[in-house]
N, C-alpha and C. Protein backbone atom coordinates (compact mmCIF):
# COMPACT_ATOMS: atom_id res chain seq x y z
N MET A 1 -5.21 22.62 -0.57
CA MET A 1 -6.12 22.03 -1.52
C MET A 1 -7.43 21.69 -0.80
N ASN A 2 -8.52 22.17 -1.34
CA ASN A 2 -9.84 21.87 -0.79
C ASN A 2 -10.27 20.47 -1.21
N ASN A 3 -11.11 19.86 -0.38
CA ASN A 3 -11.60 18.52 -0.71
C ASN A 3 -12.32 18.50 -2.05
N ASP A 4 -13.03 19.58 -2.40
CA ASP A 4 -13.79 19.58 -3.64
C ASP A 4 -12.89 19.63 -4.87
N GLU A 5 -11.60 19.86 -4.67
CA GLU A 5 -10.65 19.84 -5.76
C GLU A 5 -10.01 18.47 -5.92
N ILE A 6 -10.31 17.55 -5.02
CA ILE A 6 -9.68 16.23 -5.02
C ILE A 6 -10.64 15.19 -5.58
N ARG A 7 -10.19 14.54 -6.64
CA ARG A 7 -10.96 13.46 -7.25
C ARG A 7 -10.45 12.13 -6.72
N VAL A 8 -11.38 11.26 -6.35
CA VAL A 8 -11.04 9.96 -5.77
C VAL A 8 -11.72 8.87 -6.60
N LEU A 9 -10.94 7.87 -6.99
CA LEU A 9 -11.49 6.69 -7.65
C LEU A 9 -11.44 5.55 -6.64
N LEU A 10 -12.58 4.94 -6.38
CA LEU A 10 -12.71 3.83 -5.45
C LEU A 10 -12.98 2.57 -6.26
N VAL A 11 -12.09 1.58 -6.13
CA VAL A 11 -12.22 0.32 -6.89
C VAL A 11 -12.43 -0.81 -5.90
N ASP A 12 -13.65 -1.33 -5.87
CA ASP A 12 -13.99 -2.42 -4.94
C ASP A 12 -15.18 -3.17 -5.51
N ASP A 13 -15.11 -4.50 -5.46
CA ASP A 13 -16.21 -5.29 -6.02
C ASP A 13 -17.39 -5.41 -5.07
N GLU A 14 -17.25 -4.91 -3.85
CA GLU A 14 -18.36 -4.93 -2.90
C GLU A 14 -19.13 -3.62 -3.00
N LYS A 15 -20.31 -3.69 -3.61
CA LYS A 15 -21.11 -2.49 -3.87
C LYS A 15 -21.41 -1.71 -2.60
N MET A 16 -21.70 -2.41 -1.49
CA MET A 16 -22.02 -1.72 -0.25
C MET A 16 -20.83 -0.89 0.24
N ILE A 17 -19.64 -1.41 0.10
CA ILE A 17 -18.46 -0.65 0.50
C ILE A 17 -18.30 0.58 -0.38
N CYS A 18 -18.43 0.38 -1.69
CA CYS A 18 -18.34 1.53 -2.61
C CYS A 18 -19.38 2.58 -2.27
N ASP A 19 -20.62 2.15 -2.07
CA ASP A 19 -21.70 3.09 -1.79
C ASP A 19 -21.45 3.85 -0.49
N CYS A 20 -21.09 3.14 0.57
CA CYS A 20 -20.91 3.78 1.88
C CYS A 20 -19.70 4.72 1.89
N VAL A 21 -18.57 4.23 1.40
CA VAL A 21 -17.36 5.07 1.41
C VAL A 21 -17.54 6.25 0.46
N SER A 22 -18.11 6.01 -0.72
CA SER A 22 -18.33 7.11 -1.67
C SER A 22 -19.25 8.17 -1.07
N ALA A 23 -20.33 7.75 -0.44
CA ALA A 23 -21.27 8.71 0.15
C ALA A 23 -20.58 9.55 1.22
N TYR A 24 -19.78 8.91 2.06
CA TYR A 24 -19.07 9.64 3.11
C TYR A 24 -18.10 10.66 2.48
N LEU A 25 -17.31 10.20 1.51
CA LEU A 25 -16.33 11.10 0.88
C LEU A 25 -17.02 12.24 0.14
N GLU A 26 -18.13 11.96 -0.52
CA GLU A 26 -18.87 13.03 -1.19
C GLU A 26 -19.41 14.03 -0.18
N ASP A 27 -19.88 13.55 0.97
CA ASP A 27 -20.34 14.46 2.03
C ASP A 27 -19.20 15.34 2.54
N GLU A 28 -17.97 14.82 2.45
CA GLU A 28 -16.79 15.59 2.86
C GLU A 28 -16.31 16.53 1.76
N GLY A 29 -16.97 16.48 0.60
CA GLY A 29 -16.67 17.41 -0.48
C GLY A 29 -15.80 16.86 -1.59
N PHE A 30 -15.41 15.60 -1.53
CA PHE A 30 -14.60 15.01 -2.60
C PHE A 30 -15.48 14.67 -3.81
N THR A 31 -14.88 14.63 -4.98
CA THR A 31 -15.54 14.13 -6.17
C THR A 31 -15.14 12.67 -6.30
N VAL A 32 -16.11 11.76 -6.31
CA VAL A 32 -15.82 10.33 -6.24
C VAL A 32 -16.46 9.59 -7.40
N ARG A 33 -15.70 8.67 -7.97
CA ARG A 33 -16.21 7.71 -8.95
C ARG A 33 -15.89 6.33 -8.41
N SER A 34 -16.73 5.36 -8.72
CA SER A 34 -16.52 3.98 -8.28
C SER A 34 -16.39 3.06 -9.48
N ALA A 35 -15.60 2.02 -9.29
CA ALA A 35 -15.47 0.94 -10.26
C ALA A 35 -15.55 -0.36 -9.47
N PHE A 36 -16.13 -1.38 -10.09
CA PHE A 36 -16.34 -2.65 -9.39
C PHE A 36 -15.37 -3.73 -9.83
N SER A 37 -14.40 -3.37 -10.67
CA SER A 37 -13.34 -4.29 -11.08
C SER A 37 -12.13 -3.46 -11.51
N GLY A 38 -10.99 -4.12 -11.58
CA GLY A 38 -9.79 -3.43 -12.05
C GLY A 38 -9.93 -2.99 -13.49
N GLU A 39 -10.55 -3.83 -14.31
CA GLU A 39 -10.75 -3.49 -15.71
C GLU A 39 -11.60 -2.23 -15.84
N GLU A 40 -12.67 -2.14 -15.05
CA GLU A 40 -13.52 -0.94 -15.09
C GLU A 40 -12.75 0.27 -14.59
N GLY A 41 -11.93 0.07 -13.56
CA GLY A 41 -11.10 1.16 -13.04
C GLY A 41 -10.16 1.71 -14.09
N LEU A 42 -9.56 0.82 -14.89
CA LEU A 42 -8.66 1.26 -15.96
C LEU A 42 -9.40 2.07 -17.02
N GLU A 43 -10.64 1.71 -17.27
CA GLU A 43 -11.44 2.47 -18.25
C GLU A 43 -11.73 3.88 -17.74
N ILE A 44 -11.84 4.04 -16.44
CA ILE A 44 -12.22 5.33 -15.84
C ILE A 44 -11.03 6.24 -15.60
N ILE A 45 -9.88 5.68 -15.24
CA ILE A 45 -8.80 6.48 -14.66
C ILE A 45 -8.27 7.60 -15.56
N ALA A 46 -8.02 7.31 -16.82
CA ALA A 46 -7.43 8.33 -17.69
C ALA A 46 -8.38 9.49 -17.95
N ALA A 47 -9.68 9.21 -18.05
CA ALA A 47 -10.66 10.27 -18.31
C ALA A 47 -10.99 11.05 -17.04
N PHE A 48 -11.01 10.36 -15.90
CA PHE A 48 -11.42 10.99 -14.64
C PHE A 48 -10.26 11.73 -13.97
N CYS A 49 -9.03 11.28 -14.19
CA CYS A 49 -7.82 11.91 -13.64
C CYS A 49 -7.88 12.09 -12.12
N PRO A 50 -8.04 10.99 -11.38
CA PRO A 50 -8.13 11.12 -9.92
C PRO A 50 -6.78 11.48 -9.29
N ALA A 51 -6.85 12.23 -8.21
CA ALA A 51 -5.65 12.51 -7.43
C ALA A 51 -5.28 11.28 -6.62
N VAL A 52 -6.32 10.53 -6.19
CA VAL A 52 -6.13 9.36 -5.35
C VAL A 52 -7.03 8.23 -5.84
N CYS A 53 -6.48 7.03 -5.82
CA CYS A 53 -7.24 5.83 -6.14
C CYS A 53 -7.11 4.87 -4.96
N ILE A 54 -8.24 4.41 -4.46
CA ILE A 54 -8.27 3.44 -3.37
C ILE A 54 -8.79 2.14 -3.96
N SER A 55 -7.96 1.09 -3.92
CA SER A 55 -8.34 -0.17 -4.54
C SER A 55 -8.35 -1.30 -3.53
N ASP A 56 -9.34 -2.16 -3.67
CA ASP A 56 -9.35 -3.42 -2.94
C ASP A 56 -8.23 -4.28 -3.50
N LEU A 57 -7.72 -5.20 -2.70
CA LEU A 57 -6.68 -6.11 -3.15
C LEU A 57 -7.28 -7.25 -3.97
N ASN A 58 -8.35 -7.84 -3.44
CA ASN A 58 -8.99 -8.97 -4.11
C ASN A 58 -10.16 -8.48 -4.95
N LEU A 59 -9.94 -8.47 -6.25
CA LEU A 59 -10.96 -8.05 -7.20
C LEU A 59 -11.21 -9.19 -8.18
N PRO A 60 -12.40 -9.26 -8.76
CA PRO A 60 -12.63 -10.29 -9.78
C PRO A 60 -11.79 -9.97 -11.02
N GLY A 61 -11.28 -11.00 -11.66
CA GLY A 61 -10.44 -10.78 -12.83
C GLY A 61 -9.08 -10.25 -12.39
N MET A 62 -8.74 -9.07 -12.83
CA MET A 62 -7.47 -8.45 -12.48
C MET A 62 -7.46 -8.08 -11.00
N GLY A 63 -6.46 -8.53 -10.28
CA GLY A 63 -6.34 -8.22 -8.85
C GLY A 63 -5.94 -6.77 -8.63
N GLY A 64 -6.07 -6.31 -7.39
CA GLY A 64 -5.78 -4.93 -7.05
C GLY A 64 -4.36 -4.51 -7.31
N GLU A 65 -3.41 -5.39 -7.02
CA GLU A 65 -2.00 -5.05 -7.25
C GLU A 65 -1.72 -4.83 -8.73
N GLU A 66 -2.21 -5.74 -9.57
CA GLU A 66 -2.03 -5.61 -11.01
C GLU A 66 -2.73 -4.35 -11.52
N PHE A 67 -3.94 -4.09 -11.00
CA PHE A 67 -4.67 -2.88 -11.38
C PHE A 67 -3.85 -1.63 -11.08
N ILE A 68 -3.29 -1.57 -9.87
CA ILE A 68 -2.53 -0.37 -9.48
C ILE A 68 -1.32 -0.16 -10.39
N VAL A 69 -0.59 -1.23 -10.68
CA VAL A 69 0.58 -1.11 -11.55
C VAL A 69 0.17 -0.60 -12.93
N LYS A 70 -0.89 -1.17 -13.51
CA LYS A 70 -1.35 -0.74 -14.83
C LYS A 70 -1.91 0.68 -14.78
N ALA A 71 -2.66 1.00 -13.74
CA ALA A 71 -3.25 2.34 -13.61
C ALA A 71 -2.15 3.39 -13.46
N HIS A 72 -1.11 3.06 -12.72
CA HIS A 72 0.02 3.99 -12.55
C HIS A 72 0.68 4.27 -13.91
N THR A 73 0.77 3.26 -14.74
CA THR A 73 1.34 3.43 -16.08
C THR A 73 0.46 4.36 -16.92
N LEU A 74 -0.86 4.19 -16.82
CA LEU A 74 -1.80 5.01 -17.58
C LEU A 74 -1.86 6.45 -17.09
N TYR A 75 -1.81 6.62 -15.77
CA TYR A 75 -1.97 7.96 -15.19
C TYR A 75 -1.06 8.12 -13.96
N PRO A 76 0.24 8.36 -14.18
CA PRO A 76 1.22 8.42 -13.09
C PRO A 76 0.95 9.45 -12.00
N PRO A 77 0.23 10.56 -12.25
CA PRO A 77 0.03 11.51 -11.16
C PRO A 77 -0.84 10.99 -10.00
N THR A 78 -1.57 9.91 -10.21
CA THR A 78 -2.46 9.39 -9.18
C THR A 78 -1.67 8.78 -8.03
N GLY A 79 -2.11 9.05 -6.81
CA GLY A 79 -1.59 8.37 -5.63
C GLY A 79 -2.49 7.18 -5.34
N PHE A 80 -1.90 6.08 -4.88
CA PHE A 80 -2.67 4.86 -4.69
C PHE A 80 -2.66 4.40 -3.24
N MET A 81 -3.80 3.80 -2.84
CA MET A 81 -3.93 3.14 -1.55
C MET A 81 -4.60 1.81 -1.78
N LEU A 82 -4.24 0.83 -0.97
CA LEU A 82 -4.91 -0.47 -0.98
C LEU A 82 -5.85 -0.53 0.21
N HIS A 83 -7.03 -1.03 -0.02
CA HIS A 83 -8.05 -1.19 1.00
C HIS A 83 -8.38 -2.68 1.03
N THR A 84 -7.94 -3.38 2.06
CA THR A 84 -8.07 -4.83 2.06
C THR A 84 -8.50 -5.37 3.41
N GLY A 85 -9.14 -6.52 3.38
CA GLY A 85 -9.59 -7.16 4.61
C GLY A 85 -8.59 -8.15 5.16
N MET A 86 -7.41 -8.23 4.55
CA MET A 86 -6.40 -9.18 5.03
C MET A 86 -5.06 -8.49 5.23
N LEU A 87 -4.23 -9.09 6.07
CA LEU A 87 -2.89 -8.55 6.26
C LEU A 87 -2.13 -8.67 4.95
N TYR A 88 -1.40 -7.64 4.62
CA TYR A 88 -0.73 -7.60 3.33
C TYR A 88 0.55 -6.80 3.45
N SER A 89 1.63 -7.34 2.88
CA SER A 89 2.89 -6.61 2.79
C SER A 89 3.07 -6.18 1.34
N LEU A 90 3.44 -4.94 1.17
CA LEU A 90 3.59 -4.40 -0.19
C LEU A 90 4.63 -5.18 -0.99
N SER A 91 4.31 -5.41 -2.23
CA SER A 91 5.24 -6.07 -3.15
C SER A 91 6.29 -5.06 -3.60
N ASP A 92 7.36 -5.56 -4.16
CA ASP A 92 8.39 -4.69 -4.72
C ASP A 92 7.82 -3.83 -5.85
N ARG A 93 6.87 -4.40 -6.62
CA ARG A 93 6.27 -3.63 -7.73
C ARG A 93 5.54 -2.39 -7.22
N LEU A 94 4.83 -2.53 -6.09
CA LEU A 94 4.10 -1.38 -5.55
C LEU A 94 5.05 -0.40 -4.86
N ARG A 95 6.07 -0.91 -4.22
CA ARG A 95 7.07 -0.01 -3.63
C ARG A 95 7.78 0.80 -4.72
N ALA A 96 7.99 0.17 -5.87
CA ALA A 96 8.68 0.85 -6.97
C ALA A 96 7.90 2.05 -7.50
N ILE A 97 6.58 2.05 -7.33
CA ILE A 97 5.80 3.21 -7.80
C ILE A 97 5.54 4.20 -6.66
N GLY A 98 6.18 3.97 -5.51
CA GLY A 98 6.13 4.94 -4.42
C GLY A 98 5.18 4.63 -3.29
N MET A 99 4.55 3.47 -3.30
CA MET A 99 3.64 3.13 -2.20
C MET A 99 4.44 2.69 -0.98
N THR A 100 3.89 2.95 0.19
CA THR A 100 4.50 2.53 1.45
C THR A 100 3.48 1.76 2.28
N ALA A 101 3.92 1.21 3.39
CA ALA A 101 3.01 0.48 4.28
C ALA A 101 1.86 1.37 4.75
N ASP A 102 2.08 2.67 4.82
CA ASP A 102 1.02 3.60 5.23
C ASP A 102 -0.11 3.68 4.20
N ASP A 103 0.15 3.18 3.00
CA ASP A 103 -0.86 3.22 1.94
C ASP A 103 -1.75 1.98 1.95
N VAL A 104 -1.58 1.10 2.92
CA VAL A 104 -2.40 -0.10 3.05
C VAL A 104 -3.36 0.11 4.22
N LEU A 105 -4.66 0.10 3.92
CA LEU A 105 -5.70 0.32 4.93
C LEU A 105 -6.47 -0.97 5.12
N LEU A 106 -6.70 -1.36 6.37
CA LEU A 106 -7.46 -2.56 6.65
C LEU A 106 -8.95 -2.27 6.69
N LYS A 107 -9.72 -3.14 6.02
CA LYS A 107 -11.18 -3.06 6.06
C LYS A 107 -11.67 -3.69 7.35
N PRO A 108 -12.71 -3.22 7.88
CA PRO A 108 -13.34 -1.94 7.54
C PRO A 108 -12.61 -0.79 8.22
N VAL A 109 -12.59 0.35 7.57
CA VAL A 109 -12.03 1.55 8.19
C VAL A 109 -13.12 2.10 9.09
N HIS A 110 -12.89 1.98 10.40
CA HIS A 110 -13.93 2.39 11.35
C HIS A 110 -14.03 3.90 11.50
N ASP A 111 -12.90 4.58 11.37
CA ASP A 111 -12.89 6.03 11.52
C ASP A 111 -12.60 6.64 10.15
N LEU A 112 -13.66 6.97 9.43
CA LEU A 112 -13.48 7.47 8.07
C LEU A 112 -12.83 8.85 8.03
N SER A 113 -12.79 9.55 9.16
CA SER A 113 -12.08 10.83 9.17
C SER A 113 -10.58 10.60 8.95
N LYS A 114 -10.07 9.43 9.37
CA LYS A 114 -8.66 9.11 9.11
C LYS A 114 -8.44 8.86 7.62
N LEU A 115 -9.42 8.28 6.97
CA LEU A 115 -9.33 8.08 5.53
C LEU A 115 -9.29 9.42 4.81
N VAL A 116 -10.11 10.35 5.25
CA VAL A 116 -10.12 11.70 4.66
C VAL A 116 -8.75 12.35 4.80
N LYS A 117 -8.15 12.25 5.97
CA LYS A 117 -6.81 12.83 6.18
C LYS A 117 -5.78 12.17 5.28
N LYS A 118 -5.85 10.85 5.15
CA LYS A 118 -4.90 10.12 4.31
C LYS A 118 -5.08 10.50 2.84
N ILE A 119 -6.31 10.66 2.39
CA ILE A 119 -6.55 11.08 1.01
C ILE A 119 -5.95 12.47 0.77
N ARG A 120 -6.18 13.38 1.70
CA ARG A 120 -5.64 14.74 1.55
C ARG A 120 -4.11 14.73 1.51
N LEU A 121 -3.49 13.94 2.39
CA LEU A 121 -2.02 13.84 2.41
C LEU A 121 -1.49 13.24 1.11
N THR A 122 -2.14 12.19 0.65
CA THR A 122 -1.71 11.53 -0.58
C THR A 122 -1.85 12.47 -1.77
N ALA A 123 -2.97 13.16 -1.86
CA ALA A 123 -3.19 14.10 -2.96
C ALA A 123 -2.16 15.22 -2.92
N ALA A 124 -1.89 15.74 -1.74
CA ALA A 124 -0.91 16.84 -1.60
C ALA A 124 0.49 16.37 -1.99
N SER A 125 0.86 15.18 -1.58
CA SER A 125 2.20 14.67 -1.90
C SER A 125 2.35 14.42 -3.40
N ARG A 126 1.28 14.01 -4.07
CA ARG A 126 1.35 13.78 -5.50
C ARG A 126 1.48 15.10 -6.27
N ARG A 127 0.85 16.15 -5.76
CA ARG A 127 0.94 17.46 -6.43
C ARG A 127 2.36 18.02 -6.32
N GLU A 128 3.03 17.69 -5.22
CA GLU A 128 4.39 18.18 -5.00
C GLU A 128 5.42 17.41 -5.84
N SER A 129 5.04 16.20 -6.29
CA SER A 129 5.99 15.35 -7.04
C SER A 129 6.24 15.89 -8.42
């Protein structure tokens, strides 16, 4: 799968993070959409059909965990990752939808090439499911 075939939804209330990560991923050939809240992410996900969604844990209103659970219900083919600035252990709800500790990324991701590899792996594993 080429990067240009992979759609990524980035959900983070920090505009600078969305802008920087989105720009990098677009330069790598991904198609990227950003949302600044879980509610906005839910509005985008069904129409955009992302292969991968990267969500912050702490979002205004609906938190990242709740967003992921609801988004998975709306569009189950999406693979999810959490992008957070704090140590976090996956809840049973997130494990139940197939997430693992490898799907939790600590902010800031200093080596964005690792993020690219993780997105590709996640997208490929979702296509095989």
